[in-house]
Amino acid sequence: MLQNTIHYGIHFIAPIVIALIFFRKHWKMAAFIMLCGIVIDIDHVLATPMFDPTRCSINFHPLHSYFAIGIYVVLALLKKTRLIGLGLLIHILADTTDCFLM
C-alpha cells in the first residue's frame, strides 16, 4: 500500500507541484506535459508478462533503459524540450523508487 502511494504520488503529484513552483504562469499546461511522461509505459506491452509486480522496470524495458534515461536528461536540459524531459525523468524517478521499495 505504501509503495503504491509513493509510486503513484511521484507519478501524478510531483509534476503538478513542480509546475506550480517553477512554471507558475502556465502551470496547467506544464503539469499536463509532464504528466504525459507516463506514455513511456507503452513499452510494457513488449514484456511477458506485461505487468509483473516483482520486476524492476529500470533497464528492463526499452524506454526505461539507461540509454533512454540519458536522452531524457538531455531533453530536460534543453529549453524547448525541458517539460517533456522533466516529465520523463519524473516517471523514471517514480519507477526507480518503486524498484528500491520492492
N, C-alpha and C. Protein backbone atom coordinates (compact mmCIF):
# COMPACT_ATOMS: atom_id res chain seq x y z
N MET A 1 0.82 -1.20 0.00
CA MET A 1 0.00 0.00 0.00
C MET A 1 0.87 1.27 0.00
N LEU A 2 1.85 1.32 0.90
CA LEU A 2 2.75 2.48 0.96
C LEU A 2 3.55 2.61 -0.33
N GLN A 3 4.01 1.50 -0.86
CA GLN A 3 4.77 1.50 -2.11
C GLN A 3 3.95 2.10 -3.24
N ASN A 4 2.70 1.68 -3.37
CA ASN A 4 1.82 2.22 -4.42
C ASN A 4 1.55 3.71 -4.22
N THR A 5 1.36 4.11 -2.98
CA THR A 5 1.10 5.53 -2.68
C THR A 5 2.29 6.39 -3.09
N ILE A 6 3.48 5.95 -2.75
CA ILE A 6 4.69 6.69 -3.11
C ILE A 6 4.87 6.69 -4.61
N HIS A 7 4.75 5.53 -5.23
CA HIS A 7 4.95 5.39 -6.68
C HIS A 7 3.99 6.31 -7.46
N TYR A 8 2.71 6.19 -7.19
CA TYR A 8 1.74 6.99 -7.94
C TYR A 8 1.72 8.45 -7.49
N GLY A 9 2.13 8.70 -6.25
CA GLY A 9 2.27 10.08 -5.80
C GLY A 9 3.34 10.81 -6.60
N ILE A 10 4.46 10.14 -6.82
CA ILE A 10 5.52 10.74 -7.64
C ILE A 10 5.02 10.92 -9.07
N HIS A 11 4.36 9.91 -9.61
CA HIS A 11 3.86 9.98 -10.99
C HIS A 11 2.90 11.15 -11.21
N PHE A 12 1.98 11.36 -10.27
CA PHE A 12 0.89 12.30 -10.51
C PHE A 12 0.96 13.59 -9.70
N ILE A 13 1.53 13.56 -8.51
CA ILE A 13 1.57 14.78 -7.69
C ILE A 13 2.83 15.60 -7.99
N ALA A 14 3.97 14.93 -8.16
CA ALA A 14 5.23 15.66 -8.40
C ALA A 14 5.16 16.59 -9.61
N PRO A 15 4.63 16.16 -10.76
CA PRO A 15 4.55 17.09 -11.90
C PRO A 15 3.71 18.33 -11.61
N ILE A 16 2.64 18.16 -10.87
CA ILE A 16 1.78 19.29 -10.55
C ILE A 16 2.49 20.26 -9.60
N VAL A 17 3.15 19.71 -8.59
CA VAL A 17 3.89 20.55 -7.64
C VAL A 17 5.01 21.29 -8.35
N ILE A 18 5.76 20.60 -9.19
CA ILE A 18 6.86 21.23 -9.94
C ILE A 18 6.31 22.32 -10.85
N ALA A 19 5.20 22.05 -11.50
CA ALA A 19 4.58 23.05 -12.38
C ALA A 19 4.15 24.28 -11.58
N LEU A 20 3.54 24.07 -10.43
CA LEU A 20 3.09 25.20 -9.61
C LEU A 20 4.25 26.05 -9.10
N ILE A 21 5.37 25.41 -8.79
CA ILE A 21 6.51 26.13 -8.24
C ILE A 21 7.34 26.81 -9.33
N PHE A 22 7.65 26.10 -10.40
CA PHE A 22 8.62 26.60 -11.37
C PHE A 22 8.00 27.15 -12.66
N PHE A 23 6.76 26.81 -12.94
CA PHE A 23 6.11 27.25 -14.18
C PHE A 23 4.76 27.89 -13.85
N ARG A 24 4.76 28.74 -12.84
CA ARG A 24 3.54 29.29 -12.27
C ARG A 24 2.62 29.94 -13.31
N LYS A 25 3.17 30.67 -14.24
CA LYS A 25 2.34 31.40 -15.21
C LYS A 25 1.51 30.44 -16.08
N HIS A 26 2.09 29.31 -16.45
CA HIS A 26 1.41 28.34 -17.32
C HIS A 26 1.43 26.96 -16.65
N TRP A 27 1.11 26.93 -15.36
CA TRP A 27 1.27 25.69 -14.61
C TRP A 27 0.40 24.55 -15.11
N LYS A 28 -0.80 24.85 -15.60
CA LYS A 28 -1.69 23.77 -16.06
C LYS A 28 -1.11 23.07 -17.28
N MET A 29 -0.61 23.84 -18.23
CA MET A 29 -0.02 23.24 -19.42
C MET A 29 1.27 22.51 -19.07
N ALA A 30 2.08 23.11 -18.20
CA ALA A 30 3.34 22.48 -17.78
C ALA A 30 3.05 21.15 -17.08
N ALA A 31 2.07 21.15 -16.18
CA ALA A 31 1.71 19.92 -15.48
C ALA A 31 1.21 18.87 -16.46
N PHE A 32 0.37 19.27 -17.40
CA PHE A 32 -0.16 18.33 -18.40
C PHE A 32 0.98 17.69 -19.21
N ILE A 33 1.91 18.51 -19.67
CA ILE A 33 3.02 17.98 -20.48
C ILE A 33 3.85 17.02 -19.65
N MET A 34 4.15 17.38 -18.40
CA MET A 34 4.95 16.47 -17.56
C MET A 34 4.18 15.20 -17.23
N LEU A 35 2.88 15.32 -17.01
CA LEU A 35 2.07 14.13 -16.73
C LEU A 35 2.05 13.16 -17.92
N CYS A 36 2.23 13.69 -19.11
CA CYS A 36 2.27 12.84 -20.31
C CYS A 36 3.50 11.93 -20.34
N GLY A 37 4.42 12.14 -19.42
CA GLY A 37 5.59 11.26 -19.32
C GLY A 37 5.20 9.81 -19.05
N ILE A 38 4.00 9.59 -18.58
CA ILE A 38 3.51 8.24 -18.30
C ILE A 38 3.42 7.41 -19.58
N VAL A 39 3.41 8.08 -20.73
CA VAL A 39 3.26 7.38 -22.01
C VAL A 39 4.41 6.41 -22.28
N ILE A 40 5.55 6.60 -21.63
CA ILE A 40 6.66 5.67 -21.89
C ILE A 40 6.37 4.27 -21.35
N ASP A 41 5.32 4.13 -20.58
CA ASP A 41 4.94 2.79 -20.13
C ASP A 41 4.40 1.93 -21.26
N ILE A 42 4.26 2.48 -22.45
CA ILE A 42 3.81 1.71 -23.60
C ILE A 42 4.77 0.55 -23.88
N ASP A 43 6.03 0.71 -23.46
CA ASP A 43 6.99 -0.37 -23.71
C ASP A 43 6.72 -1.61 -22.87
N HIS A 44 5.84 -1.52 -21.91
CA HIS A 44 5.49 -2.69 -21.10
C HIS A 44 4.77 -3.75 -21.94
N VAL A 45 4.15 -3.35 -23.05
CA VAL A 45 3.46 -4.32 -23.89
C VAL A 45 4.43 -5.29 -24.57
N LEU A 46 5.72 -4.94 -24.59
CA LEU A 46 6.72 -5.81 -25.19
C LEU A 46 7.17 -6.92 -24.26
N ALA A 47 6.83 -6.82 -22.98
CA ALA A 47 7.28 -7.78 -21.99
C ALA A 47 6.25 -8.89 -21.78
N THR A 48 6.76 -10.03 -21.36
CA THR A 48 5.89 -11.14 -21.00
C THR A 48 6.28 -11.60 -19.59
N PRO A 49 5.39 -11.52 -18.63
CA PRO A 49 4.07 -10.92 -18.70
C PRO A 49 4.18 -9.40 -18.81
N MET A 50 3.11 -8.78 -19.29
CA MET A 50 3.12 -7.34 -19.48
C MET A 50 3.35 -6.61 -18.16
N PHE A 51 2.72 -7.07 -17.09
CA PHE A 51 2.91 -6.47 -15.77
C PHE A 51 3.37 -7.54 -14.80
N ASP A 52 4.48 -7.29 -14.16
CA ASP A 52 5.00 -8.19 -13.13
C ASP A 52 5.36 -7.33 -11.93
N PRO A 53 4.61 -7.44 -10.84
CA PRO A 53 4.86 -6.58 -9.68
C PRO A 53 6.22 -6.80 -9.02
N THR A 54 6.91 -7.88 -9.37
CA THR A 54 8.23 -8.14 -8.79
C THR A 54 9.37 -7.72 -9.72
N ARG A 55 9.05 -7.14 -10.86
CA ARG A 55 10.07 -6.77 -11.84
C ARG A 55 10.35 -5.26 -11.76
N CYS A 56 11.62 -4.92 -11.75
CA CYS A 56 12.03 -3.52 -11.80
C CYS A 56 12.05 -3.08 -13.26
N SER A 57 11.37 -2.00 -13.56
CA SER A 57 11.28 -1.51 -14.95
C SER A 57 12.59 -0.92 -15.45
N ILE A 58 13.38 -0.37 -14.54
CA ILE A 58 14.59 0.34 -14.93
C ILE A 58 15.58 -0.63 -15.58
N ASN A 59 15.97 -0.27 -16.78
CA ASN A 59 16.88 -1.03 -17.64
C ASN A 59 16.33 -2.41 -18.04
N PHE A 60 15.03 -2.60 -17.87
CA PHE A 60 14.39 -3.82 -18.38
C PHE A 60 13.63 -3.50 -19.66
N HIS A 61 12.80 -2.48 -19.61
CA HIS A 61 12.02 -2.06 -20.77
C HIS A 61 12.84 -1.06 -21.59
N PRO A 62 12.68 -1.05 -22.91
CA PRO A 62 13.50 -0.17 -23.77
C PRO A 62 13.40 1.32 -23.43
N LEU A 63 12.22 1.81 -23.14
CA LEU A 63 12.06 3.23 -22.81
C LEU A 63 12.41 3.54 -21.36
N HIS A 64 12.83 2.53 -20.62
CA HIS A 64 13.29 2.69 -19.24
C HIS A 64 14.78 2.33 -19.14
N SER A 65 15.44 2.21 -20.29
CA SER A 65 16.85 1.82 -20.32
C SER A 65 17.76 2.98 -19.93
N TYR A 66 18.99 2.66 -19.56
CA TYR A 66 19.94 3.71 -19.20
C TYR A 66 20.20 4.64 -20.39
N PHE A 67 20.22 4.09 -21.58
CA PHE A 67 20.40 4.90 -22.78
C PHE A 67 19.26 5.90 -22.93
N ALA A 68 18.03 5.42 -22.78
CA ALA A 68 16.85 6.29 -22.88
C ALA A 68 16.88 7.36 -21.79
N ILE A 69 17.28 6.98 -20.58
CA ILE A 69 17.35 7.94 -19.48
C ILE A 69 18.35 9.05 -19.81
N GLY A 70 19.45 8.70 -20.45
CA GLY A 70 20.41 9.71 -20.89
C GLY A 70 19.78 10.71 -21.85
N ILE A 71 18.97 10.21 -22.75
CA ILE A 71 18.25 11.10 -23.69
C ILE A 71 17.29 12.00 -22.93
N TYR A 72 16.60 11.46 -21.91
CA TYR A 72 15.66 12.26 -21.13
C TYR A 72 16.38 13.39 -20.39
N VAL A 73 17.60 13.11 -19.92
CA VAL A 73 18.40 14.14 -19.25
C VAL A 73 18.71 15.27 -20.23
N VAL A 74 19.11 14.91 -21.45
CA VAL A 74 19.41 15.92 -22.47
C VAL A 74 18.15 16.73 -22.78
N LEU A 75 17.01 16.07 -22.92
CA LEU A 75 15.75 16.77 -23.18
C LEU A 75 15.43 17.76 -22.07
N ALA A 76 15.69 17.37 -20.83
CA ALA A 76 15.41 18.25 -19.69
C ALA A 76 16.35 19.46 -19.64
N LEU A 77 17.52 19.32 -20.22
CA LEU A 77 18.49 20.42 -20.22
C LEU A 77 18.21 21.46 -21.30
N LEU A 78 17.51 21.07 -22.35
CA LEU A 78 17.22 21.98 -23.46
C LEU A 78 15.91 22.71 -23.19
N LYS A 79 15.91 24.02 -23.39
CA LYS A 79 14.74 24.84 -23.06
C LYS A 79 13.47 24.39 -23.79
N LYS A 80 13.57 24.09 -25.08
CA LYS A 80 12.39 23.75 -25.88
C LYS A 80 11.77 22.41 -25.48
N THR A 81 12.56 21.52 -24.92
CA THR A 81 12.05 20.18 -24.57
C THR A 81 12.10 19.93 -23.06
N ARG A 82 12.33 20.98 -22.30
CA ARG A 82 12.51 20.84 -20.84
C ARG A 82 11.35 20.14 -20.16
N LEU A 83 10.13 20.53 -20.46
CA LEU A 83 8.97 19.94 -19.78
C LEU A 83 8.81 18.46 -20.13
N ILE A 84 9.05 18.13 -21.37
CA ILE A 84 8.97 16.72 -21.78
C ILE A 84 10.03 15.92 -21.04
N GLY A 85 11.26 16.43 -21.04
CA GLY A 85 12.35 15.74 -20.34
C GLY A 85 12.08 15.60 -18.86
N LEU A 86 11.57 16.65 -18.23
CA LEU A 86 11.26 16.58 -16.81
C LEU A 86 10.17 15.55 -16.54
N GLY A 87 9.16 15.53 -17.38
CA GLY A 87 8.09 14.54 -17.21
C GLY A 87 8.61 13.12 -17.31
N LEU A 88 9.50 12.89 -18.27
CA LEU A 88 10.08 11.55 -18.43
C LEU A 88 10.98 11.20 -17.25
N LEU A 89 11.75 12.16 -16.77
CA LEU A 89 12.63 11.90 -15.62
C LEU A 89 11.83 11.69 -14.34
N ILE A 90 10.72 12.40 -14.19
CA ILE A 90 9.85 12.16 -13.03
C ILE A 90 9.31 10.74 -13.09
N HIS A 91 8.94 10.30 -14.28
CA HIS A 91 8.46 8.92 -14.45
C HIS A 91 9.55 7.92 -14.05
N ILE A 92 10.76 8.16 -14.51
CA ILE A 92 11.88 7.28 -14.16
C ILE A 92 12.14 7.30 -12.66
N LEU A 93 12.05 8.48 -12.04
CA LEU A 93 12.23 8.58 -10.59
C LEU A 93 11.17 7.75 -9.86
N ALA A 94 9.93 7.83 -10.31
CA ALA A 94 8.86 7.03 -9.70
C ALA A 94 9.15 5.54 -9.82
N ASP A 95 9.59 5.12 -11.00
CA ASP A 95 9.88 3.70 -11.20
C ASP A 95 11.12 3.26 -10.43
N THR A 96 12.11 4.12 -10.32
CA THR A 96 13.32 3.80 -9.55
C THR A 96 12.97 3.65 -8.08
N THR A 97 12.15 4.56 -7.58
CA THR A 97 11.71 4.48 -6.18
C THR A 97 10.96 3.17 -5.96
N ASP A 98 10.13 2.80 -6.91
CA ASP A 98 9.40 1.54 -6.84
C ASP A 98 10.37 0.36 -6.74
N CYS A 99 11.43 0.40 -7.52
CA CYS A 99 12.42 -0.69 -7.51
C CYS A 99 13.08 -0.80 -6.14
N PHE A 100 13.40 0.34 -5.52
CA PHE A 100 14.02 0.32 -4.19
C PHE A 100 13.07 -0.19 -3.12
N LEU A 101 11.78 0.01 -3.30
CA LEU A 101 10.80 -0.40 -2.29
C LEU A 101 10.35 -1.84 -2.45
N MET A 102 10.77 -2.50 -3.50
CA MET A 102 10.37 -3.90 -3.72
C MET A 102 11.00 -4.81 -2.68
